[in-house]
Amino acid sequence: MRILVMNPNTTASMTASIRATATAAAAPGTEIIATEPLWGPESIEGHFEGYLSAAAVLDRLATLERDFDALVMAGFGEPGREGAQELLDVPVLDITESAAQMAMMLGHAYGIVTTLDRAVPQIQDRLLTAGLLKRCAAVRGTGLGVLELEQDVERTVEVIIETAREAVRAGAEVICLGCGGMAGLQEKVAAALGVPVVDGVAAAVKFAEAVVGLGLTTSTGRSFAPPRPKAIGSWPLSAHLHPSAVRAQSSPCHTEFSAQTSGI
């Protein structure tokens, strides 16, 4: 099977890190494709950038030339998943929910360590909407910006460990890394803490493999029915900004919506 992992920001080095973590988690025979939007913020640290990113991600999905069997959205606590579920015919998994779901299989309560403190309410809202907040003991910010995570990895790990200890003291028995930019750091953090540490990218890849393997996909009966046909000005935007970004016929977009938006 082929899994697309979407970095919601435009920082290519972060996409490479996410790709490496996803590939390491994938089973033999699973191909990982990782990409990022063609436009949008270089990092996402708040609602404004989150909504910009959501639009850019959906735009990228509408113009992607490669076919895939499942989508992993690698933004933690950010909007857009529901839109992707309406747009695509394949399963869509979000690293926030995947990390929390896996953590709840491993302990009574879990904690999340993320970047800036301003991200905490956004993540809590996402967990509340998903029905996963009740067993979350704590969401803690490290004070590190998203782009800072890559600047000094040793310092990043130290700060994550220190912050994770706060979550453990608050009752967390499992820790989730609350940013796609933290991908691949779970082993170092777990070794210092002595409790399981879940990387959302890896968890989402494994859940994607399971869902595809069972022959399941998103229900379109109600909440995530395909978008109704209507005119959308300048959509998809990437086809205007990057003329080479043309949707392939094999793209897993819902047919009705594709027909409405492919005349570019």
Protein backbone atom coordinates (compact mmCIF):
# COMPACT_ATOMS: atom_id res chain seq x y z
CA MET A 1 0.00 0.00 0.00
CA ARG A 2 1.00 3.63 -0.43
CA ILE A 3 0.50 6.17 2.38
CA LEU A 4 0.73 9.91 1.84
CA VAL A 5 2.05 11.83 4.84
CA MET A 6 1.28 15.55 4.64
CA ASN A 7 3.43 18.04 6.53
CA PRO A 8 1.07 21.01 7.01
CA ASN A 9 3.82 23.63 6.81
CA THR A 10 6.14 24.49 3.93
CA THR A 11 9.45 23.66 5.63
CA ALA A 12 11.02 20.92 3.50
CA SER A 13 13.53 19.81 6.16
CA MET A 14 10.63 19.05 8.50
CA THR A 15 8.96 17.05 5.75
CA ALA A 16 12.15 15.00 5.43
CA SER A 17 12.17 14.27 9.18
CA ILE A 18 8.51 13.28 9.11
CA ARG A 19 9.17 11.04 6.10
CA ALA A 20 12.01 9.27 7.89
CA THR A 21 9.87 8.57 10.96
CA ALA A 22 6.94 7.36 8.87
CA THR A 23 9.18 5.10 6.80
CA ALA A 24 10.76 3.59 9.91
CA ALA A 25 7.31 2.81 11.32
CA ALA A 26 5.86 1.39 8.11
CA ALA A 27 5.62 -2.33 7.50
CA PRO A 28 7.54 -3.98 4.64
CA GLY A 29 5.65 -3.33 1.45
CA THR A 30 4.24 0.00 2.59
CA GLU A 31 5.46 2.93 0.53
CA ILE A 32 5.62 6.32 2.22
CA ILE A 33 5.16 9.51 0.21
CA ALA A 34 5.75 12.72 2.14
CA THR A 35 5.08 16.22 0.93
CA GLU A 36 4.06 19.71 2.02
CA PRO A 37 1.77 22.43 0.61
CA LEU A 38 3.00 24.53 -2.30
CA TRP A 39 2.14 27.71 -0.38
CA GLY A 40 1.37 28.67 3.20
CA PRO A 41 3.21 29.32 6.49
CA GLU A 42 6.68 27.93 7.18
CA SER A 43 5.43 26.84 10.61
CA ILE A 44 2.06 26.79 12.36
CA GLU A 45 1.76 28.41 15.76
CA GLY A 46 -1.81 29.54 16.19
CA HIS A 47 -5.26 29.58 14.68
CA PHE A 48 -4.52 32.06 11.90
CA GLU A 49 -1.64 30.04 10.49
CA GLY A 50 -3.57 26.83 11.16
CA TYR A 51 -6.48 27.85 8.97
CA LEU A 52 -4.16 29.10 6.25
CA SER A 53 -2.39 25.76 6.38
CA ALA A 54 -5.66 23.82 6.23
CA ALA A 55 -6.61 25.61 3.01
CA ALA A 56 -3.14 25.06 1.55
CA VAL A 57 -3.18 21.35 2.45
CA LEU A 58 -6.61 20.82 0.85
CA ASP A 59 -5.39 22.72 -2.19
CA ARG A 60 -2.31 20.48 -2.39
CA LEU A 61 -4.44 17.36 -2.09
CA ALA A 62 -6.63 18.56 -4.94
CA THR A 63 -3.62 18.94 -7.26
CA LEU A 64 -1.44 16.02 -6.20
CA GLU A 65 -0.39 13.87 -9.14
CA ARG A 66 0.22 10.58 -7.30
CA ASP A 67 -2.31 8.01 -6.16
CA PHE A 68 -2.31 6.77 -2.55
CA ASP A 69 -4.28 4.45 -0.28
CA ALA A 70 -4.42 6.56 2.90
CA LEU A 71 -3.54 10.03 4.12
CA VAL A 72 -1.74 10.89 7.36
CA MET A 73 -2.04 14.56 8.33
CA ALA A 74 1.06 15.42 10.36
CA GLY A 75 -0.13 18.59 12.09
CA PHE A 76 -0.86 18.32 15.82
CA GLY A 77 -4.10 19.95 16.90
CA GLU A 78 -4.60 21.78 13.63
CA PRO A 79 -7.75 22.08 11.49
CA GLY A 80 -8.40 20.55 8.09
CA ARG A 81 -8.85 16.82 8.67
CA GLU A 82 -12.60 16.91 8.20
CA GLY A 83 -12.22 18.74 4.89
CA ALA A 84 -9.76 16.11 3.68
CA GLN A 85 -12.20 13.38 4.68
CA GLU A 86 -14.85 15.00 2.48
CA LEU A 87 -12.43 15.52 -0.41
CA LEU A 88 -10.82 12.08 -0.55
CA ASP A 89 -12.02 8.54 -1.15
CA VAL A 90 -9.29 7.07 1.09
CA PRO A 91 -8.91 6.89 4.90
CA VAL A 92 -7.62 10.08 6.53
CA LEU A 93 -5.77 9.91 9.84
CA ASP A 94 -4.65 12.80 12.01
CA ILE A 95 -1.58 12.49 14.27
CA THR A 96 -3.34 14.16 17.20
CA GLU A 97 -6.11 11.60 17.45
CA SER A 98 -3.86 8.70 16.46
CA ALA A 99 -1.34 9.52 19.21
CA ALA A 100 -4.05 9.88 21.85
CA GLN A 101 -5.84 6.70 20.80
CA MET A 102 -2.63 4.69 20.95
CA ALA A 103 -1.65 6.23 24.28
CA MET A 104 -4.98 5.23 25.81
CA MET A 105 -4.24 1.62 24.88
CA LEU A 106 -1.04 1.81 26.93
CA GLY A 107 -2.06 3.63 30.12
CA HIS A 108 -4.97 5.02 32.09
CA ALA A 109 -4.09 8.66 31.37
CA TYR A 110 -1.80 10.33 28.88
CA GLY A 111 -0.05 13.66 28.55
CA ILE A 112 1.01 15.74 25.56
CA VAL A 113 4.19 17.77 25.20
CA THR A 114 3.97 20.39 22.47
CA THR A 115 5.75 23.56 21.34
CA LEU A 116 4.54 26.98 22.47
CA ASP A 117 2.07 27.39 25.31
CA ARG A 118 -0.36 29.10 22.92
CA ALA A 119 -0.82 25.71 21.19
CA VAL A 120 -2.20 24.10 24.35
CA PRO A 121 -5.81 25.37 24.06
CA GLN A 122 -5.89 24.47 20.36
CA ILE A 123 -4.82 20.90 21.13
CA GLN A 124 -7.29 20.66 24.01
CA ASP A 125 -10.10 21.80 21.73
CA ARG A 126 -9.12 19.15 19.17
CA LEU A 127 -9.12 16.43 21.82
CA LEU A 128 -12.47 17.62 23.16
CA THR A 129 -14.03 17.50 19.69
CA ALA A 130 -12.64 14.00 19.19
CA GLY A 131 -13.91 12.81 22.59
CA LEU A 132 -10.38 12.14 23.82
CA LEU A 133 -9.84 14.89 26.39
CA LYS A 134 -11.26 13.07 29.41
CA ARG A 135 -8.25 10.78 29.75
CA CYS A 136 -5.68 13.50 29.05
CA ALA A 137 -3.89 14.35 32.30
CA ALA A 138 -2.01 17.35 30.92
CA VAL A 139 -1.02 19.27 27.82
CA ARG A 140 2.22 21.17 28.35
CA GLY A 141 4.16 23.56 26.13
CA THR A 142 7.96 23.46 25.98
CA GLY A 143 8.27 27.11 25.00
CA LEU A 144 10.10 26.10 21.82
CA GLY A 145 8.86 27.38 18.49
CA VAL A 146 8.26 24.83 15.73
CA LEU A 147 11.31 25.88 13.73
CA GLU A 148 13.47 25.86 16.87
CA LEU A 149 12.97 22.11 17.21
CA GLU A 150 15.48 21.43 14.42
CA GLN A 151 18.11 23.98 15.43
CA ASP A 152 19.62 22.09 18.37
CA VAL A 153 18.21 18.57 18.66
CA GLU A 154 20.02 17.77 21.92
CA ARG A 155 18.57 20.86 23.60
CA THR A 156 15.15 20.06 22.11
CA VAL A 157 15.22 16.57 23.64
CA GLU A 158 16.27 17.96 27.03
CA VAL A 159 13.43 20.50 27.05
CA ILE A 160 10.90 17.87 25.95
CA ILE A 161 12.03 15.56 28.75
CA GLU A 162 11.83 18.30 31.35
CA THR A 163 8.34 19.28 30.18
CA ALA A 164 7.20 15.67 29.96
CA ARG A 165 8.16 15.14 33.60
CA GLU A 166 5.66 17.87 34.49
CA ALA A 167 2.97 15.92 32.65
CA VAL A 168 3.95 12.70 34.43
CA ARG A 169 3.70 14.47 37.79
CA ALA A 170 0.21 15.57 36.73
CA GLY A 171 -0.80 11.93 36.30
CA ALA A 172 0.23 11.01 32.77
CA GLU A 173 1.30 7.38 32.36
CA VAL A 174 2.06 7.77 28.65
CA ILE A 175 3.48 10.79 26.82
CA CYS A 176 2.55 11.91 23.29
CA LEU A 177 4.90 14.11 21.29
CA GLY A 178 2.64 17.00 20.30
CA CYS A 179 4.21 18.26 17.08
CA GLY A 180 5.12 16.66 13.76
CA GLY A 181 8.48 18.40 14.11
CA MET A 182 9.24 16.17 17.11
CA ALA A 183 9.05 13.07 14.92
CA GLY A 184 11.78 10.55 15.66
CA LEU A 185 12.60 11.74 19.18
CA GLN A 186 10.38 9.26 21.04
CA GLU A 187 13.10 6.73 21.93
CA LYS A 188 15.40 9.28 23.55
CA VAL A 189 12.55 10.80 25.53
CA ALA A 190 11.21 7.40 26.64
CA ALA A 191 14.65 6.27 27.81
CA ALA A 192 14.86 9.26 30.15
CA LEU A 193 11.28 9.12 31.43
CA GLY A 194 10.72 5.42 31.94
CA VAL A 195 7.18 5.61 30.50
CA PRO A 196 5.94 4.91 26.95
CA VAL A 197 6.29 7.79 24.51
CA VAL A 198 4.07 7.86 21.42
CA ASP A 199 5.09 9.60 18.21
CA GLY A 200 1.94 10.68 16.39
CA VAL A 201 3.37 10.20 12.90
CA ALA A 202 4.37 6.62 13.63
CA ALA A 203 1.04 5.88 15.34
CA ALA A 204 -0.96 7.29 12.43
CA VAL A 205 1.01 5.24 9.90
CA LYS A 206 0.28 2.03 11.81
CA PHE A 207 -3.41 2.90 12.14
CA ALA A 208 -3.52 3.72 8.42
CA GLU A 209 -2.04 0.33 7.58
CA ALA A 210 -4.66 -1.35 9.76
CA VAL A 211 -7.61 0.55 8.28
CA VAL A 212 -6.48 -0.05 4.69
CA GLY A 213 -5.69 -3.68 5.48
CA LEU A 214 -9.24 -4.19 6.75
CA GLY A 215 -10.66 -2.67 3.58
CA LEU A 216 -12.23 0.25 5.45
CA THR A 217 -12.46 3.94 4.67
CA THR A 218 -14.28 7.09 5.81
CA SER A 219 -18.07 6.90 5.96
CA THR A 220 -19.69 9.23 3.44
CA GLY A 221 -23.22 8.62 4.67
CA ARG A 222 -23.57 11.91 6.52
CA SER A 223 -20.84 13.99 8.21
CA PHE A 224 -18.14 13.44 5.58
CA ALA A 225 -20.20 13.26 2.41
CA PRO A 226 -18.38 14.65 -0.66
CA PRO A 227 -18.60 18.41 -1.19
CA ARG A 228 -21.64 19.50 -3.16
CA PRO A 229 -20.84 20.69 -6.71
CA LYS A 230 -20.51 24.47 -6.86
CA ALA A 231 -18.25 27.12 -8.30
CA ILE A 232 -15.15 27.88 -6.21
CA GLY A 233 -13.19 30.88 -7.45
CA SER A 234 -9.53 30.28 -8.34
CA TRP A 235 -9.70 26.73 -6.98
CA PRO A 236 -7.37 24.95 -6.79
CA LEU A 237 -5.05 27.90 -6.22
CA SER A 238 -1.86 25.87 -6.75
CA ALA A 239 -2.86 25.22 -10.35
CA HIS A 240 -2.72 29.01 -10.89
CA LEU A 241 0.50 29.59 -8.93
CA HIS A 242 2.21 26.45 -10.23
CA PRO A 243 0.82 25.48 -13.67
CA SER A 244 2.61 22.12 -13.50
CA ALA A 245 0.54 21.13 -10.44
CA VAL A 246 -2.33 19.44 -12.28
CA ARG A 247 -4.43 16.73 -10.69
CA ALA A 248 -3.86 13.29 -12.21
CA GLN A 249 -6.86 11.23 -13.27
CA SER A 250 -5.97 8.57 -10.69
CA SER A 251 -6.12 11.00 -7.76
CA PRO A 252 -8.33 9.66 -4.94
CA CYS A 253 -10.60 12.71 -4.92
CA HIS A 254 -14.34 12.17 -4.99
CA THR A 255 -15.39 12.06 -8.64
CA GLU A 256 -18.23 14.57 -8.43
CA PHE A 257 -16.04 17.20 -6.77
CA SER A 258 -13.16 16.53 -9.18
CA ALA A 259 -15.40 17.10 -12.16
CA GLN A 260 -16.46 20.46 -10.77
CA THR A 261 -12.93 21.71 -10.11
CA SER A 262 -10.69 20.18 -12.77
CA GLY A 263 -11.20 22.63 -15.62
CA ILE A 264 -7.88 24.43 -15.11
